[in-house]
N, C-alpha and C. Protein backbone atom coordinates (compact mmCIF):
# COMPACT_ATOMS: atom_id res chain seq x y z
N UNK A 1 20.77 -42.46 -8.80
CA UNK A 1 20.32 -42.36 -10.38
C UNK A 1 18.71 -42.03 -10.55
N UNK A 2 18.25 -41.79 -11.09
CA UNK A 2 16.87 -41.39 -11.16
C UNK A 2 16.29 -42.02 -12.35
N UNK A 3 14.98 -41.62 -12.52
CA UNK A 3 14.45 -42.95 -13.60
C UNK A 3 14.59 -41.96 -14.83
N UNK A 4 14.85 -40.59 -14.55
CA UNK A 4 14.74 -40.24 -16.15
C UNK A 4 16.32 -40.61 -16.58
N UNK A 5 17.41 -40.35 -15.84
CA UNK A 5 18.74 -40.29 -16.50
C UNK A 5 19.18 -41.71 -16.55
N UNK A 6 18.40 -43.17 -15.99
CA UNK A 6 17.87 -44.31 -16.43
C UNK A 6 17.50 -44.38 -17.81
N UNK A 7 16.60 -43.80 -18.36
CA UNK A 7 15.81 -43.95 -19.72
C UNK A 7 16.44 -43.58 -20.73
N UNK A 8 17.81 -42.63 -20.10
CA UNK A 8 18.39 -41.89 -21.71
C UNK A 8 18.62 -43.10 -22.30
N UNK A 9 18.81 -44.15 -22.38
CA UNK A 9 18.86 -44.50 -23.61
C UNK A 9 18.20 -45.34 -24.66
N UNK A 10 16.61 -44.89 -24.29
CA UNK A 10 15.04 -45.18 -25.17
C UNK A 10 15.04 -43.86 -25.48
N UNK A 11 15.38 -43.24 -26.82
CA UNK A 11 15.30 -42.03 -27.72
C UNK A 11 13.91 -41.97 -28.64
N UNK A 12 12.78 -42.45 -27.83
CA UNK A 12 11.80 -42.84 -28.91
C UNK A 12 10.84 -41.62 -28.12
N UNK A 13 9.65 -41.72 -28.57
CA UNK A 13 8.92 -40.31 -28.10
C UNK A 13 8.62 -40.51 -26.55
N UNK A 14 8.64 -42.09 -26.11
CA UNK A 14 8.50 -42.24 -24.38
C UNK A 14 9.83 -41.38 -23.75
N UNK A 15 10.82 -41.54 -24.74
CA UNK A 15 12.08 -40.85 -24.08
C UNK A 15 12.02 -39.58 -23.66
N UNK A 16 11.80 -39.12 -25.03
CA UNK A 16 11.65 -37.46 -25.12
C UNK A 16 10.59 -36.95 -24.41
N UNK A 17 9.42 -37.97 -24.19
CA UNK A 17 8.28 -37.35 -23.28
C UNK A 17 8.72 -37.35 -21.74
N UNK A 18 9.51 -38.12 -21.41
CA UNK A 18 10.24 -38.25 -20.01
C UNK A 18 11.54 -37.31 -19.81
N UNK A 19 11.61 -36.10 -20.83
CA UNK A 19 12.61 -35.48 -21.17
C UNK A 19 14.40 -36.48 -20.78
N UNK A 20 14.21 -37.13 -21.28
CA UNK A 20 15.79 -37.63 -21.57
C UNK A 20 16.20 -37.60 -22.09
N UNK A 21 17.53 -37.62 -22.70
CA UNK A 21 18.49 -36.31 -23.17
C UNK A 21 18.70 -37.85 -24.32
N UNK A 22 18.41 -37.37 -25.38
CA UNK A 22 18.48 -37.98 -27.02
C UNK A 22 19.26 -37.50 -27.92
N UNK A 23 20.39 -37.54 -28.72
CA UNK A 23 20.86 -37.14 -29.11
C UNK A 23 21.62 -35.89 -28.88
N UNK A 24 21.78 -35.47 -27.86
CA UNK A 24 22.39 -34.10 -27.32
C UNK A 24 21.36 -33.56 -26.87
N UNK A 25 20.02 -33.81 -27.08
CA UNK A 25 18.91 -32.62 -26.45
C UNK A 25 19.41 -32.47 -24.48
N UNK A 26 18.65 -31.34 -24.87
CA UNK A 26 19.32 -31.24 -22.97
C UNK A 26 17.43 -32.06 -22.56
N UNK A 27 17.83 -32.60 -21.18
CA UNK A 27 16.40 -33.12 -21.35
C UNK A 27 15.91 -31.88 -19.76
N UNK A 28 14.82 -31.58 -19.56
CA UNK A 28 14.29 -30.97 -18.59
C UNK A 28 12.80 -30.92 -18.79
N UNK A 29 12.16 -30.49 -18.09
CA UNK A 29 10.83 -30.76 -17.89
C UNK A 29 9.89 -30.20 -18.28
N UNK A 30 8.93 -31.52 -19.03
CA UNK A 30 8.14 -30.81 -20.03
C UNK A 30 6.82 -30.53 -19.25
N UNK A 31 6.50 -29.74 -20.17
CA UNK A 31 4.76 -29.19 -19.98
C UNK A 31 3.83 -30.03 -20.15
N UNK A 32 2.95 -30.12 -19.19
CA UNK A 32 1.85 -30.76 -19.74
C UNK A 32 0.39 -30.42 -19.33
N UNK A 33 -0.30 -30.18 -19.64
CA UNK A 33 -1.92 -29.50 -19.51
C UNK A 33 -2.29 -29.88 -18.00
N UNK A 34 -2.86 -29.33 -17.09
CA UNK A 34 -3.11 -29.55 -15.65
C UNK A 34 -4.68 -30.30 -16.41
N UNK A 35 -4.79 -31.42 -15.03
CA UNK A 35 -6.11 -31.70 -14.96
C UNK A 35 -6.76 -31.17 -13.40
N UNK A 36 -7.86 -30.37 -13.88
CA UNK A 36 -8.50 -29.97 -12.56
C UNK A 36 -9.94 -31.47 -12.09
N UNK A 37 -9.97 -31.70 -11.03
CA UNK A 37 -11.24 -32.35 -10.32
C UNK A 37 -12.16 -32.35 -11.49
N UNK A 38 -12.78 -31.79 -12.22
CA UNK A 38 -14.14 -31.68 -12.59
C UNK A 38 -13.60 -32.20 -13.90
N UNK A 39 -13.06 -32.24 -14.21
CA UNK A 39 -12.15 -32.85 -15.72
C UNK A 39 -12.04 -34.47 -15.55
N UNK A 40 -11.10 -34.81 -14.41
CA UNK A 40 -10.81 -35.97 -14.19
C UNK A 40 -12.19 -36.60 -13.54
N UNK A 41 -13.19 -36.44 -13.17
CA UNK A 41 -14.37 -36.97 -12.67
C UNK A 41 -15.20 -37.06 -13.70
N UNK A 42 -15.00 -36.50 -14.95
CA UNK A 42 -15.89 -36.56 -16.32
C UNK A 42 -15.07 -37.38 -16.80
N UNK A 43 -14.06 -37.54 -16.89
CA UNK A 43 -13.71 -38.82 -17.63
C UNK A 43 -13.74 -40.34 -17.01
N UNK A 44 -13.46 -40.24 -15.29
CA UNK A 44 -14.05 -41.45 -14.64
C UNK A 44 -15.33 -41.69 -15.22
N UNK A 45 -16.29 -40.93 -15.36
CA UNK A 45 -17.71 -41.32 -15.37
C UNK A 45 -17.80 -41.42 -16.45
N UNK A 46 -16.95 -41.17 -17.78
CA UNK A 46 -17.04 -41.45 -19.30
C UNK A 46 -16.51 -43.06 -19.31
N UNK A 47 -15.31 -43.29 -18.28
CA UNK A 47 -14.98 -44.67 -18.63
C UNK A 47 -16.13 -46.00 -17.82
N UNK A 48 -16.58 -45.47 -16.93
CA UNK A 48 -17.77 -45.93 -16.61
C UNK A 48 -18.61 -46.52 -16.76
N UNK A 49 -19.31 -45.54 -17.66
CA UNK A 49 -20.58 -45.44 -18.34
C UNK A 49 -19.97 -46.86 -20.01
N UNK A 50 -18.92 -46.36 -20.25
CA UNK A 50 -17.77 -47.31 -21.25
C UNK A 50 -17.91 -48.69 -20.80
N UNK A 51 -18.12 -49.02 -19.22
CA UNK A 51 -17.96 -50.65 -18.83
C UNK A 51 -19.32 -50.64 -18.83
N UNK A 52 -20.29 -50.02 -18.18
CA UNK A 52 -21.96 -50.91 -17.69
C UNK A 52 -22.05 -51.05 -19.10
N UNK A 53 -22.11 -50.32 -20.20
CA UNK A 53 -22.67 -50.26 -21.31
C UNK A 53 -22.15 -51.81 -21.72
N UNK A 54 -20.50 -52.43 -21.39
CA UNK A 54 -20.17 -53.32 -22.72
C UNK A 54 -20.68 -54.63 -21.20
N UNK A 55 -20.99 -53.87 -19.60
CA UNK A 55 -21.86 -54.90 -19.28
C UNK A 55 -22.81 -55.92 -19.37
N UNK A 56 -23.77 -54.32 -19.86
CA UNK A 56 -25.38 -54.56 -20.06
C UNK A 56 -25.82 -55.21 -21.35
N UNK A 57 -24.33 -55.25 -22.64
CA UNK A 57 -24.18 -55.93 -23.98
C UNK A 57 -23.98 -57.52 -24.10
N UNK A 58 -23.23 -57.30 -22.73
CA UNK A 58 -22.56 -58.79 -22.38
C UNK A 58 -23.52 -59.43 -21.52
N UNK A 59 -24.28 -59.32 -21.00
CA UNK A 59 -25.55 -59.18 -20.35
C UNK A 59 -26.69 -59.98 -21.25
N UNK A 60 -27.15 -59.31 -22.15
CA UNK A 60 -27.95 -59.50 -22.70
C UNK A 60 -27.85 -60.60 -23.67
N UNK A 61 -26.74 -60.67 -24.20
CA UNK A 61 -26.12 -61.91 -24.94
C UNK A 61 -26.12 -63.43 -24.61
N UNK A 62 -25.68 -62.67 -23.39
CA UNK A 62 -25.69 -64.01 -22.48
C UNK A 62 -27.23 -65.12 -22.13
N UNK A 63 -28.30 -63.68 -21.99
CA UNK A 63 -29.33 -64.14 -21.44
C UNK A 63 -30.40 -64.72 -22.83
N UNK A 64 -29.97 -63.99 -23.79
CA UNK A 64 -31.13 -64.21 -25.17
C UNK A 64 -30.36 -65.82 -25.57
């Protein structure tokens, strides 16, 4: 039994995103955009910058 057929009971947005059969709809592959390496690196850089900013704000509040 695959993960998609195991989640057939959940017909929310998550179930339909996984391609589960909900209400007689046939499942199948869902189309998702591809993420290339440069886009992934930009996303990681944005998360890293946000974490660095949060760390710096916390450091300044605790120091002063």
